[in-house]
Amino acid sequence: MDPGELKDRIPFLKKKDSDALDFTDDGYKQYKTIWAKVKYMSTKETFKSDASNVLKVVNLIIRARNDITNNMRFLLDGMQYEIKGIRPFDKRKMYLIVTGELNKNERPG
């Protein structure tokens, strides 16, 4: 992988401390902004009760690091994605693939 392909700045969000009494958002605060390559996965439509729900899945390729966890989220195009998995991208483990799913509370445009 060429490091020059990491062209997008992606903000990662971390849960706020449970002691904080801030009711203004959903309990996540910005943690770090990381360079990444964004790869959109196929869109799958599901139908429930005559309503269409679109499930969006995105893979981010980032440099290997150990401070990103499954309990975090990231922002992409103004919408929050929940991290569903983190795995090595290559055998040398220099990069990671972070798989995110559009948060259920977000509405795709």
PDB file of N, CA and C in Angstrom:
ATOM      1  N   MET A   1       0.851  -1.183   0.000  1.00  0.00           N
ATOM      2  CA  MET A   1       0.000   0.000   0.000  1.00  0.00           C
ATOM      3  C   MET A   1       0.886   1.231   0.000  1.00  0.00           C
ATOM      4  N   ASP A   2       0.540   2.170  -0.827  1.00  0.00           N
ATOM      5  CA  ASP A   2       1.266   3.426  -0.909  1.00  0.00           C
ATOM      6  C   ASP A   2       0.688   4.401   0.122  1.00  0.00           C
ATOM      7  N   PRO A   3       1.514   4.946   1.032  1.00  0.00           N
ATOM      8  CA  PRO A   3       0.992   5.884   2.036  1.00  0.00           C
ATOM      9  C   PRO A   3       0.320   7.102   1.421  1.00  0.00           C
ATOM     10  N   GLY A   4       0.655   7.442   0.169  1.00  0.00           N
ATOM     11  CA  GLY A   4       0.031   8.577  -0.501  1.00  0.00           C
ATOM     12  C   GLY A   4      -1.444   8.361  -0.797  1.00  0.00           C
ATOM     13  N   GLU A   5      -1.917   7.113  -0.693  1.00  0.00           N
ATOM     14  CA  GLU A   5      -3.337   6.831  -0.919  1.00  0.00           C
ATOM     15  C   GLU A   5      -4.204   7.218   0.276  1.00  0.00           C
ATOM     16  N   LEU A   6      -3.598   7.488   1.415  1.00  0.00           N
ATOM     17  CA  LEU A   6      -4.349   7.896   2.613  1.00  0.00           C
ATOM     18  C   LEU A   6      -4.607   9.398   2.493  1.00  0.00           C
ATOM     19  N   LYS A   7      -5.675   9.755   1.789  1.00  0.00           N
ATOM     20  CA  LYS A   7      -5.926  11.153   1.433  1.00  0.00           C
ATOM     21  C   LYS A   7      -7.048  11.812   2.213  1.00  0.00           C
ATOM     22  N   ASP A   8      -7.813  11.046   2.967  1.00  0.00           N
ATOM     23  CA  ASP A   8      -8.967  11.610   3.676  1.00  0.00           C
ATOM     24  C   ASP A   8      -8.668  11.740   5.165  1.00  0.00           C
ATOM     25  N   ARG A   9      -9.062  12.883   5.731  1.00  0.00           N
ATOM     26  CA  ARG A   9      -8.915  13.101   7.177  1.00  0.00           C
ATOM     27  C   ARG A   9     -10.217  12.671   7.831  1.00  0.00           C
ATOM     28  N   ILE A  10     -10.160  11.620   8.662  1.00  0.00           N
ATOM     29  CA  ILE A  10     -11.363  11.061   9.283  1.00  0.00           C
ATOM     30  C   ILE A  10     -11.308  11.290  10.792  1.00  0.00           C
ATOM     31  N   PRO A  11     -12.284  12.013  11.352  1.00  0.00           N
ATOM     32  CA  PRO A  11     -12.350  12.190  12.801  1.00  0.00           C
ATOM     33  C   PRO A  11     -12.909  10.927  13.468  1.00  0.00           C
ATOM     34  N   PHE A  12     -12.189  10.422  14.451  1.00  0.00           N
ATOM     35  CA  PHE A  12     -12.658   9.301  15.258  1.00  0.00           C
ATOM     36  C   PHE A  12     -13.238   9.846  16.547  1.00  0.00           C
ATOM     37  N   LEU A  13     -14.331   9.233  16.995  1.00  0.00           N
ATOM     38  CA  LEU A  13     -15.049   9.673  18.185  1.00  0.00           C
ATOM     39  C   LEU A  13     -14.940   8.617  19.273  1.00  0.00           C
ATOM     40  N   LYS A  14     -14.845   9.093  20.509  1.00  0.00           N
ATOM     41  CA  LYS A  14     -14.731   8.218  21.671  1.00  0.00           C
ATOM     42  C   LYS A  14     -15.871   8.543  22.623  1.00  0.00           C
ATOM     43  N   LYS A  15     -16.353   7.536  23.346  1.00  0.00           N
ATOM     44  CA  LYS A  15     -17.431   7.782  24.314  1.00  0.00           C
ATOM     45  C   LYS A  15     -16.978   8.758  25.390  1.00  0.00           C
ATOM     46  N   LYS A  16     -17.895   9.635  25.764  1.00  0.00           N
ATOM     47  CA  LYS A  16     -17.611  10.567  26.851  1.00  0.00           C
ATOM     48  C   LYS A  16     -17.625   9.815  28.178  1.00  0.00           C
ATOM     49  N   ASP A  17     -16.983  10.394  29.169  1.00  0.00           N
ATOM     50  CA  ASP A  17     -17.016   9.811  30.509  1.00  0.00           C
ATOM     51  C   ASP A  17     -18.443   9.802  31.014  1.00  0.00           C
ATOM     52  N   SER A  18     -18.814   8.750  31.701  1.00  0.00           N
ATOM     53  CA  SER A  18     -20.185   8.638  32.201  1.00  0.00           C
ATOM     54  C   SER A  18     -20.465   9.639  33.316  1.00  0.00           C
ATOM     55  N   ASP A  19     -19.411  10.217  33.905  1.00  0.00           N
ATOM     56  CA  ASP A  19     -19.601  11.188  34.980  1.00  0.00           C
ATOM     57  C   ASP A  19     -20.027  12.551  34.446  1.00  0.00           C
ATOM     58  N   ALA A  20     -19.768  12.818  33.168  1.00  0.00           N
ATOM     59  CA  ALA A  20     -20.081  14.126  32.596  1.00  0.00           C
ATOM     60  C   ALA A  20     -21.595  14.280  32.414  1.00  0.00           C
ATOM     61  N   LEU A  21     -22.117  15.426  32.811  1.00  0.00           N
ATOM     62  CA  LEU A  21     -23.550  15.704  32.680  1.00  0.00           C
ATOM     63  C   LEU A  21     -23.797  16.592  31.466  1.00  0.00           C
ATOM     64  N   ASP A  22     -23.497  16.068  30.291  1.00  0.00           N
ATOM     65  CA  ASP A  22     -23.686  16.812  29.050  1.00  0.00           C
ATOM     66  C   ASP A  22     -24.751  16.098  28.237  1.00  0.00           C
ATOM     67  N   PHE A  23     -25.916  16.726  28.090  1.00  0.00           N
ATOM     68  CA  PHE A  23     -27.033  16.101  27.394  1.00  0.00           C
ATOM     69  C   PHE A  23     -27.226  16.685  25.994  1.00  0.00           C
ATOM     70  N   THR A  24     -26.191  17.347  25.447  1.00  0.00           N
ATOM     71  CA  THR A  24     -26.341  18.030  24.175  1.00  0.00           C
ATOM     72  C   THR A  24     -26.193  17.114  22.967  1.00  0.00           C
ATOM     73  N   ASP A  25     -25.556  15.956  23.110  1.00  0.00           N
ATOM     74  CA  ASP A  25     -25.400  15.056  21.968  1.00  0.00           C
ATOM     75  C   ASP A  25     -25.502  13.610  22.441  1.00  0.00           C
ATOM     76  N   ASP A  26     -25.046  12.686  21.629  1.00  0.00           N
ATOM     77  CA  ASP A  26     -25.254  11.270  21.927  1.00  0.00           C
ATOM     78  C   ASP A  26     -24.168  10.649  22.795  1.00  0.00           C
ATOM     79  N   GLY A  27     -23.307  11.432  23.393  1.00  0.00           N
ATOM     80  CA  GLY A  27     -22.324  10.893  24.320  1.00  0.00           C
ATOM     81  C   GLY A  27     -20.981  10.573  23.708  1.00  0.00           C
ATOM     82  N   TYR A  28     -20.687  11.063  22.510  1.00  0.00           N
ATOM     83  CA  TYR A  28     -19.385  10.844  21.884  1.00  0.00           C
ATOM     84  C   TYR A  28     -18.690  12.180  21.684  1.00  0.00           C
ATOM     85  N   LYS A  29     -17.371  12.179  21.842  1.00  0.00           N
ATOM     86  CA  LYS A  29     -16.581  13.386  21.601  1.00  0.00           C
ATOM     87  C   LYS A  29     -15.446  13.039  20.650  1.00  0.00           C
ATOM     88  N   GLN A  30     -14.934  14.054  19.976  1.00  0.00           N
ATOM     89  CA  GLN A  30     -13.855  13.809  19.024  1.00  0.00           C
ATOM     90  C   GLN A  30     -12.604  13.379  19.766  1.00  0.00           C
ATOM     91  N   TYR A  31     -11.969  12.319  19.256  1.00  0.00           N
ATOM     92  CA  TYR A  31     -10.768  11.763  19.869  1.00  0.00           C
ATOM     93  C   TYR A  31      -9.530  12.162  19.070  1.00  0.00           C
ATOM     94  N   LYS A  32      -9.445  11.717  17.823  1.00  0.00           N
ATOM     95  CA  LYS A  32      -8.321  12.037  16.947  1.00  0.00           C
ATOM     96  C   LYS A  32      -8.799  12.065  15.509  1.00  0.00           C
ATOM     97  N   THR A  33      -8.077  12.819  14.684  1.00  0.00           N
ATOM     98  CA  THR A  33      -8.333  12.819  13.256  1.00  0.00           C
ATOM     99  C   THR A  33      -7.181  12.076  12.592  1.00  0.00           C
ATOM    100  N   ILE A  34      -7.525  11.081  11.768  1.00  0.00           N
ATOM    101  CA  ILE A  34      -6.527  10.165  11.216  1.00  0.00           C
ATOM    102  C   ILE A  34      -6.635  10.149   9.691  1.00  0.00           C
ATOM    103  N   TRP A  35      -5.498  10.095   9.018  1.00  0.00           N
ATOM    104  CA  TRP A  35      -5.465   9.960   7.566  1.00  0.00           C
ATOM    105  C   TRP A  35      -5.917   8.562   7.186  1.00  0.00           C
ATOM    106  N   ALA A  36      -6.773   8.455   6.179  1.00  0.00           N
ATOM    107  CA  ALA A  36      -7.328   7.165   5.782  1.00  0.00           C
ATOM    108  C   ALA A  36      -7.640   7.140   4.293  1.00  0.00           C
ATOM    109  N   LYS A  37      -7.796   5.930   3.785  1.00  0.00           N
ATOM    110  CA  LYS A  37      -8.329   5.707   2.442  1.00  0.00           C
ATOM    111  C   LYS A  37      -9.734   5.154   2.637  1.00  0.00           C
ATOM    112  N   VAL A  38     -10.724   5.790   2.023  1.00  0.00           N
ATOM    113  CA  VAL A  38     -12.126   5.403   2.196  1.00  0.00           C
ATOM    114  C   VAL A  38     -12.539   4.499   1.044  1.00  0.00           C
ATOM    115  N   LYS A  39     -13.141   3.354   1.391  1.00  0.00           N
ATOM    116  CA  LYS A  39     -13.654   2.421   0.378  1.00  0.00           C
ATOM    117  C   LYS A  39     -15.095   2.097   0.744  1.00  0.00           C
ATOM    118  N   TYR A  40     -16.032   2.579  -0.088  1.00  0.00           N
ATOM    119  CA  TYR A  40     -17.440   2.296   0.151  1.00  0.00           C
ATOM    120  C   TYR A  40     -17.748   0.871  -0.280  1.00  0.00           C
ATOM    121  N   MET A  41     -18.483   0.170   0.547  1.00  0.00           N
ATOM    122  CA  MET A  41     -18.899  -1.185   0.223  1.00  0.00           C
ATOM    123  C   MET A  41     -20.263  -1.119  -0.451  1.00  0.00           C
ATOM    124  N   SER A  42     -20.739  -2.244  -0.940  1.00  0.00           N
ATOM    125  CA  SER A  42     -22.033  -2.265  -1.618  1.00  0.00           C
ATOM    126  C   SER A  42     -23.145  -1.889  -0.647  1.00  0.00           C
ATOM    127  N   THR A  43     -24.161  -1.239  -1.182  1.00  0.00           N
ATOM    128  CA  THR A  43     -25.309  -0.832  -0.375  1.00  0.00           C
ATOM    129  C   THR A  43     -26.359  -1.927  -0.429  1.00  0.00           C
ATOM    130  N   LYS A  44     -26.849  -2.288   0.748  1.00  0.00           N
ATOM    131  CA  LYS A  44     -27.867  -3.327   0.834  1.00  0.00           C
ATOM    132  C   LYS A  44     -29.147  -2.690   1.357  1.00  0.00           C
ATOM    133  N   GLU A  45     -30.228  -2.911   0.654  1.00  0.00           N
ATOM    134  CA  GLU A  45     -31.505  -2.359   1.100  1.00  0.00           C
ATOM    135  C   GLU A  45     -32.307  -3.451   1.792  1.00  0.00           C
ATOM    136  N   THR A  46     -32.855  -3.097   2.922  1.00  0.00           N
ATOM    137  CA  THR A  46     -33.735  -4.016   3.642  1.00  0.00           C
ATOM    138  C   THR A  46     -35.089  -3.368   3.793  1.00  0.00           C
ATOM    139  N   PHE A  47     -36.122  -4.171   3.762  1.00  0.00           N
ATOM    140  CA  PHE A  47     -37.478  -3.650   3.864  1.00  0.00           C
ATOM    141  C   PHE A  47     -38.137  -4.218   5.117  1.00  0.00           C
ATOM    142  N   LYS A  48     -38.649  -3.315   5.955  1.00  0.00           N
ATOM    143  CA  LYS A  48     -39.360  -3.707   7.165  1.00  0.00           C
ATOM    144  C   LYS A  48     -40.603  -2.834   7.270  1.00  0.00           C
ATOM    145  N   SER A  49     -41.707  -3.447   7.454  1.00  0.00           N
ATOM    146  CA  SER A  49     -42.971  -2.722   7.654  1.00  0.00           C
ATOM    147  C   SER A  49     -43.205  -1.663   6.580  1.00  0.00           C
ATOM    148  N   ASP A  50     -43.005  -2.030   5.336  1.00  0.00           N
ATOM    149  CA  ASP A  50     -43.205  -1.129   4.205  1.00  0.00           C
ATOM    150  C   ASP A  50     -42.309   0.109   4.239  1.00  0.00           C
ATOM    151  N   ALA A  51     -41.213   0.051   4.985  1.00  0.00           N
ATOM    152  CA  ALA A  51     -40.267   1.172   5.018  1.00  0.00           C
ATOM    153  C   ALA A  51     -38.912   0.678   4.525  1.00  0.00           C
ATOM    154  N   SER A  52     -38.232   1.503   3.783  1.00  0.00           N
ATOM    155  CA  SER A  52     -36.922   1.129   3.242  1.00  0.00           C
ATOM    156  C   SER A  52     -35.823   1.661   4.146  1.00  0.00           C
ATOM    157  N   ASN A  53     -34.969   0.775   4.609  1.00  0.00           N
ATOM    158  CA  ASN A  53     -33.812   1.148   5.410  1.00  0.00           C
ATOM    159  C   ASN A  53     -32.567   0.825   4.604  1.00  0.00           C
ATOM    160  N   VAL A  54     -31.720   1.792   4.426  1.00  0.00           N
ATOM    161  CA  VAL A  54     -30.499   1.568   3.664  1.00  0.00           C
ATOM    162  C   VAL A  54     -29.345   1.384   4.644  1.00  0.00           C
ATOM    163  N   LEU A  55     -28.629   0.292   4.479  1.00  0.00           N
ATOM    164  CA  LEU A  55     -27.501  -0.020   5.339  1.00  0.00           C
ATOM    165  C   LEU A  55     -26.234   0.321   4.581  1.00  0.00           C
ATOM    166  N   LYS A  56     -25.445   1.222   5.105  1.00  0.00           N
ATOM    167  CA  LYS A  56     -24.216   1.616   4.439  1.00  0.00           C
ATOM    168  C   LYS A  56     -23.029   1.120   5.239  1.00  0.00           C
ATOM    169  N   VAL A  57     -22.122   0.477   4.531  1.00  0.00           N
ATOM    170  CA  VAL A  57     -20.908  -0.051   5.138  1.00  0.00           C
ATOM    171  C   VAL A  57     -19.712   0.583   4.444  1.00  0.00           C
ATOM    172  N   VAL A  58     -18.731   1.017   5.233  1.00  0.00           N
ATOM    173  CA  VAL A  58     -17.540   1.674   4.722  1.00  0.00           C
ATOM    174  C   VAL A  58     -16.318   1.004   5.337  1.00  0.00           C
ATOM    175  N   ASN A  59     -15.289   0.805   4.521  1.00  0.00           N
ATOM    176  CA  ASN A  59     -13.994   0.349   5.022  1.00  0.00           C
ATOM    177  C   ASN A  59     -13.024   1.510   4.958  1.00  0.00           C
ATOM    178  N   LEU A  60     -12.299   1.726   6.046  1.00  0.00           N
ATOM    179  CA  LEU A  60     -11.226   2.708   6.079  1.00  0.00           C
ATOM    180  C   LEU A  60      -9.919   1.945   6.170  1.00  0.00           C
ATOM    181  N   ILE A  61      -8.933   2.358   5.414  1.00  0.00           N
ATOM    182  CA  ILE A  61      -7.596   1.794   5.553  1.00  0.00           C
ATOM    183  C   ILE A  61      -6.752   2.874   6.219  1.00  0.00           C
ATOM    184  N   ILE A  62      -6.174   2.527   7.373  1.00  0.00           N
ATOM    185  CA  ILE A  62      -5.363   3.473   8.143  1.00  0.00           C
ATOM    186  C   ILE A  62      -4.035   2.811   8.499  1.00  0.00           C
ATOM    187  N   ARG A  63      -3.073   3.622   8.898  1.00  0.00           N
ATOM    188  CA  ARG A  63      -1.809   3.060   9.392  1.00  0.00           C
ATOM    189  C   ARG A  63      -2.088   2.304  10.687  1.00  0.00           C
ATOM    190  N   ALA A  64      -1.311   1.258  10.924  1.00  0.00           N
ATOM    191  CA  ALA A  64      -1.510   0.432  12.121  1.00  0.00           C
ATOM    192  C   ALA A  64      -1.320   1.262  13.384  1.00  0.00           C
ATOM    193  N   ARG A  65      -2.213   1.066  14.314  1.00  0.00           N
ATOM    194  CA  ARG A  65      -2.162   1.733  15.620  1.00  0.00           C
ATOM    195  C   ARG A  65      -2.997   0.911  16.587  1.00  0.00           C
ATOM    196  N   ASN A  66      -2.780   1.089  17.875  1.00  0.00           N
ATOM    197  CA  ASN A  66      -3.506   0.273  18.846  1.00  0.00           C
ATOM    198  C   ASN A  66      -4.463   1.072  19.724  1.00  0.00           C
ATOM    199  N   ASP A  67      -4.710   2.336  19.387  1.00  0.00           N
ATOM    200  CA  ASP A  67      -5.621   3.142  20.206  1.00  0.00           C
ATOM    201  C   ASP A  67      -7.027   3.246  19.622  1.00  0.00           C
ATOM    202  N   ILE A  68      -7.287   2.603  18.501  1.00  0.00           N
ATOM    203  CA  ILE A  68      -8.620   2.591  17.905  1.00  0.00           C
ATOM    204  C   ILE A  68      -9.300   1.278  18.299  1.00  0.00           C
ATOM    205  N   THR A  69     -10.538   1.372  18.831  1.00  0.00           N
ATOM    206  CA  THR A  69     -11.242   0.184  19.318  1.00  0.00           C
ATOM    207  C   THR A  69     -12.634   0.079  18.709  1.00  0.00           C
ATOM    208  N   ASN A  70     -13.270  -1.069  18.912  1.00  0.00           N
ATOM    209  CA  ASN A  70     -14.634  -1.298  18.418  1.00  0.00           C
ATOM    210  C   ASN A  70     -15.676  -0.452  19.136  1.00  0.00           C
ATOM    211  N   ASN A  71     -15.333   0.146  20.262  1.00  0.00           N
ATOM    212  CA  ASN A  71     -16.280   0.974  21.018  1.00  0.00           C
ATOM    213  C   ASN A  71     -16.352   2.400  20.491  1.00  0.00           C
ATOM    214  N   MET A  72     -15.600   2.697  19.448  1.00  0.00           N
ATOM    215  CA  MET A  72     -15.524   4.052  18.918  1.00  0.00           C
ATOM    216  C   MET A  72     -16.412   4.201  17.681  1.00  0.00           C
ATOM    217  N   ARG A  73     -16.500   5.418  17.196  1.00  0.00           N
ATOM    218  CA  ARG A  73     -17.195   5.749  15.947  1.00  0.00           C
ATOM    219  C   ARG A  73     -16.287   6.648  15.136  1.00  0.00           C
ATOM    220  N   PHE A  74     -16.659   6.864  13.868  1.00  0.00           N
ATOM    221  CA  PHE A  74     -15.951   7.847  13.068  1.00  0.00           C
ATOM    222  C   PHE A  74     -16.951   8.637  12.244  1.00  0.00           C
ATOM    223  N   LEU A  75     -16.545   9.835  11.835  1.00  0.00           N
ATOM    224  CA  LEU A  75     -17.395  10.716  11.033  1.00  0.00           C
ATOM    225  C   LEU A  75     -16.951  10.663   9.581  1.00  0.00           C
ATOM    226  N   LEU A  76     -17.925  10.549   8.684  1.00  0.00           N
ATOM    227  CA  LEU A  76     -17.651  10.572   7.262  1.00  0.00           C
ATOM    228  C   LEU A  76     -18.815  11.282   6.583  1.00  0.00           C
ATOM    229  N   ASP A  77     -18.533  12.318   5.850  1.00  0.00           N
ATOM    230  CA  ASP A  77     -19.559  13.119   5.176  1.00  0.00           C
ATOM    231  C   ASP A  77     -20.625  13.607   6.149  1.00  0.00           C
ATOM    232  N   GLY A  78     -20.209  13.958   7.357  1.00  0.00           N
ATOM    233  CA  GLY A  78     -21.127  14.505   8.351  1.00  0.00           C
ATOM    234  C   GLY A  78     -22.003  13.487   9.057  1.00  0.00           C
ATOM    235  N   MET A  79     -21.771  12.192   8.815  1.00  0.00           N
ATOM    236  CA  MET A  79     -22.582  11.157   9.462  1.00  0.00           C
ATOM    237  C   MET A  79     -21.686  10.238  10.290  1.00  0.00           C
ATOM    238  N   GLN A  80     -22.248   9.718  11.379  1.00  0.00           N
ATOM    239  CA  GLN A  80     -21.500   8.842  12.269  1.00  0.00           C
ATOM    240  C   GLN A  80     -21.612   7.379  11.849  1.00  0.00           C
ATOM    241  N   TYR A  81     -20.487   6.702  11.862  1.00  0.00           N
ATOM    242  CA  TYR A  81     -20.422   5.274  11.579  1.00  0.00           C
ATOM    243  C   TYR A  81     -19.903   4.556  12.820  1.00  0.00           C
ATOM    244  N   GLU A  82     -20.554   3.459  13.189  1.00  0.00           N
ATOM    245  CA  GLU A  82     -20.112   2.635  14.306  1.00  0.00           C
ATOM    246  C   GLU A  82     -19.054   1.662  13.805  1.00  0.00           C
ATOM    247  N   ILE A  83     -17.978   1.508  14.550  1.00  0.00           N
ATOM    248  CA  ILE A  83     -16.922   0.579  14.155  1.00  0.00           C
ATOM    249  C   ILE A  83     -17.387  -0.837  14.464  1.00  0.00           C
ATOM    250  N   LYS A  84     -17.421  -1.673  13.438  1.00  0.00           N
ATOM    251  CA  LYS A  84     -17.872  -3.062  13.573  1.00  0.00           C
ATOM    252  C   LYS A  84     -16.729  -4.056  13.540  1.00  0.00           C
ATOM    253  N   GLY A  85     -15.568  -3.647  13.088  1.00  0.00           N
ATOM    254  CA  GLY A  85     -14.435  -4.562  13.036  1.00  0.00           C
ATOM    255  C   GLY A  85     -13.150  -3.856  12.673  1.00  0.00           C
ATOM    256  N   ILE A  86     -12.042  -4.393  13.194  1.00  0.00           N
ATOM    257  CA  ILE A  86     -10.709  -3.889  12.902  1.00  0.00           C
ATOM    258  C   ILE A  86      -9.835  -5.104  12.630  1.00  0.00           C
ATOM    259  N   ARG A  87      -9.168  -5.104  11.469  1.00  0.00           N
ATOM    260  CA  ARG A  87      -8.311  -6.252  11.142  1.00  0.00           C
ATOM    261  C   ARG A  87      -7.106  -5.767  10.338  1.00  0.00           C
ATOM    262  N   PRO A  88      -6.022  -6.555  10.333  1.00  0.00           N
ATOM    263  CA  PRO A  88      -4.844  -6.162   9.552  1.00  0.00           C
ATOM    264  C   PRO A  88      -5.151  -6.140   8.058  1.00  0.00           C
ATOM    265  N   PHE A  89      -4.535  -5.208   7.347  1.00  0.00           N
ATOM    266  CA  PHE A  89      -4.713  -5.080   5.909  1.00  0.00           C
ATOM    267  C   PHE A  89      -3.729  -5.970   5.152  1.00  0.00           C
ATOM    268  N   ASP A  90      -2.536  -6.139   5.705  1.00  0.00           N
ATOM    269  CA  ASP A  90      -1.503  -6.904   5.024  1.00  0.00           C
ATOM    270  C   ASP A  90      -0.757  -7.802   6.010  1.00  0.00           C
ATOM    271  N   LYS A  91       0.087  -8.661   5.497  1.00  0.00           N
ATOM    272  CA  LYS A  91       0.838  -9.604   6.342  1.00  0.00           C
ATOM    273  C   LYS A  91       1.818  -8.896   7.261  1.00  0.00           C
ATOM    274  N   ARG A  92       2.344  -7.770   6.803  1.00  0.00           N
ATOM    275  CA  ARG A  92       3.320  -7.041   7.630  1.00  0.00           C
ATOM    276  C   ARG A  92       2.646  -6.239   8.740  1.00  0.00           C
ATOM    277  N   LYS A  93       1.331  -6.163   8.710  1.00  0.00           N
ATOM    278  CA  LYS A  93       0.528  -5.462   9.722  1.00  0.00           C
ATOM    279  C   LYS A  93       0.917  -3.988   9.861  1.00  0.00           C
ATOM    280  N   MET A  94       1.213  -3.368   8.712  1.00  0.00           N
ATOM    281  CA  MET A  94       1.536  -1.944   8.725  1.00  0.00           C
ATOM    282  C   MET A  94       0.285  -1.077   8.610  1.00  0.00           C
ATOM    283  N   TYR A  95      -0.811  -1.677   8.120  1.00  0.00           N
ATOM    284  CA  TYR A  95      -2.071  -0.965   7.940  1.00  0.00           C
ATOM    285  C   TYR A  95      -3.206  -1.787   8.521  1.00  0.00           C
ATOM    286  N   LEU A  96      -4.301  -1.097   8.852  1.00  0.00           N
ATOM    287  CA  LEU A  96      -5.498  -1.744   9.376  1.00  0.00           C
ATOM    288  C   LEU A  96      -6.688  -1.411   8.489  1.00  0.00           C
ATOM    289  N   ILE A  97      -7.646  -2.331   8.442  1.00  0.00           N
ATOM    290  CA  ILE A  97      -8.941  -2.057   7.823  1.00  0.00           C
ATOM    291  C   ILE A  97      -9.938  -1.875   8.964  1.00  0.00           C
ATOM    292  N   VAL A  98     -10.568  -0.709   8.994  1.00  0.00           N
ATOM    293  CA  VAL A  98     -11.593  -0.409   9.990  1.00  0.00           C
ATOM    294  C   VAL A  98     -12.928  -0.426   9.253  1.00  0.00           C
ATOM    295  N   THR A  99     -13.802  -1.351   9.638  1.00  0.00           N
ATOM    296  CA  THR A  99     -15.116  -1.460   9.002  1.00  0.00           C
ATOM    297  C   THR A  99     -16.143  -0.727   9.856  1.00  0.00           C
ATOM    298  N   GLY A 100     -16.887   0.167   9.217  1.00  0.00           N
ATOM    299  CA  GLY A 100     -17.896   0.934   9.917  1.00  0.00           C
ATOM    300  C   GLY A 100     -19.250   0.798   9.261  1.00  0.00           C
ATOM    301  N   GLU A 101     -20.282   0.851  10.090  1.00  0.00           N
ATOM    302  CA  GLU A 101     -21.663   0.768   9.618  1.00  0.00           C
ATOM    303  C   GLU A 101     -22.366   2.056  10.020  1.00  0.00           C
ATOM    304  N   LEU A 102     -23.151   2.604   9.113  1.00  0.00           N
ATOM    305  CA  LEU A 102     -23.862   3.848   9.393  1.00  0.00           C
ATOM    306  C   LEU A 102     -24.694   3.697  10.660  1.00  0.00           C
ATOM    307  N   ASN A 103     -24.552   4.649  11.550  1.00  0.00           N
ATOM    308  CA  ASN A 103     -25.292   4.647  12.806  1.00  0.00           C
ATOM    309  C   ASN A 103     -26.786   4.646  12.512  1.00  0.00           C
ATOM    310  N   LYS A 104     -27.546   3.866  13.242  1.00  0.00           N
ATOM    311  CA  LYS A 104     -28.985   3.729  13.017  1.00  0.00           C
ATOM    312  C   LYS A 104     -29.738   5.052  13.147  1.00  0.00           C
ATOM    313  N   ASN A 105     -29.196   5.996  13.903  1.00  0.00           N
ATOM    314  CA  ASN A 105     -29.852   7.286  14.110  1.00  0.00           C
ATOM    315  C   ASN A 105     -29.567   8.282  12.999  1.00  0.00           C
ATOM    316  N   GLU A 106     -28.643   7.944  12.098  1.00  0.00           N
ATOM    317  CA  GLU A 106     -28.283   8.832  10.993  1.00  0.00           C
ATOM    318  C   GLU A 106     -29.177   8.555   9.796  1.00  0.00           C
ATOM    319  N   ARG A 107     -29.421   9.562   9.017  1.00  0.00           N
ATOM    320  CA  ARG A 107     -30.217   9.417   7.792  1.00  0.00           C
ATOM    321  C   ARG A 107     -29.344   9.692   6.595  1.00  0.00           C
ATOM    322  N   PRO A 108     -29.146   8.699   5.745  1.00  0.00           N
ATOM    323  CA  PRO A 108     -28.317   8.935   4.563  1.00  0.00           C
ATOM    324  C   PRO A 108     -28.986   9.919   3.609  1.00  0.00           C
ATOM    325  N   GLY A 109     -28.137  10.710   2.937  1.00  0.00           N
ATOM    326  CA  GLY A 109     -28.663  11.720   2.036  1.00  0.00           C
ATOM    327  C   GLY A 109     -28.901  11.244   0.648  1.00  0.00           C
TER     328      GLY A 109
END
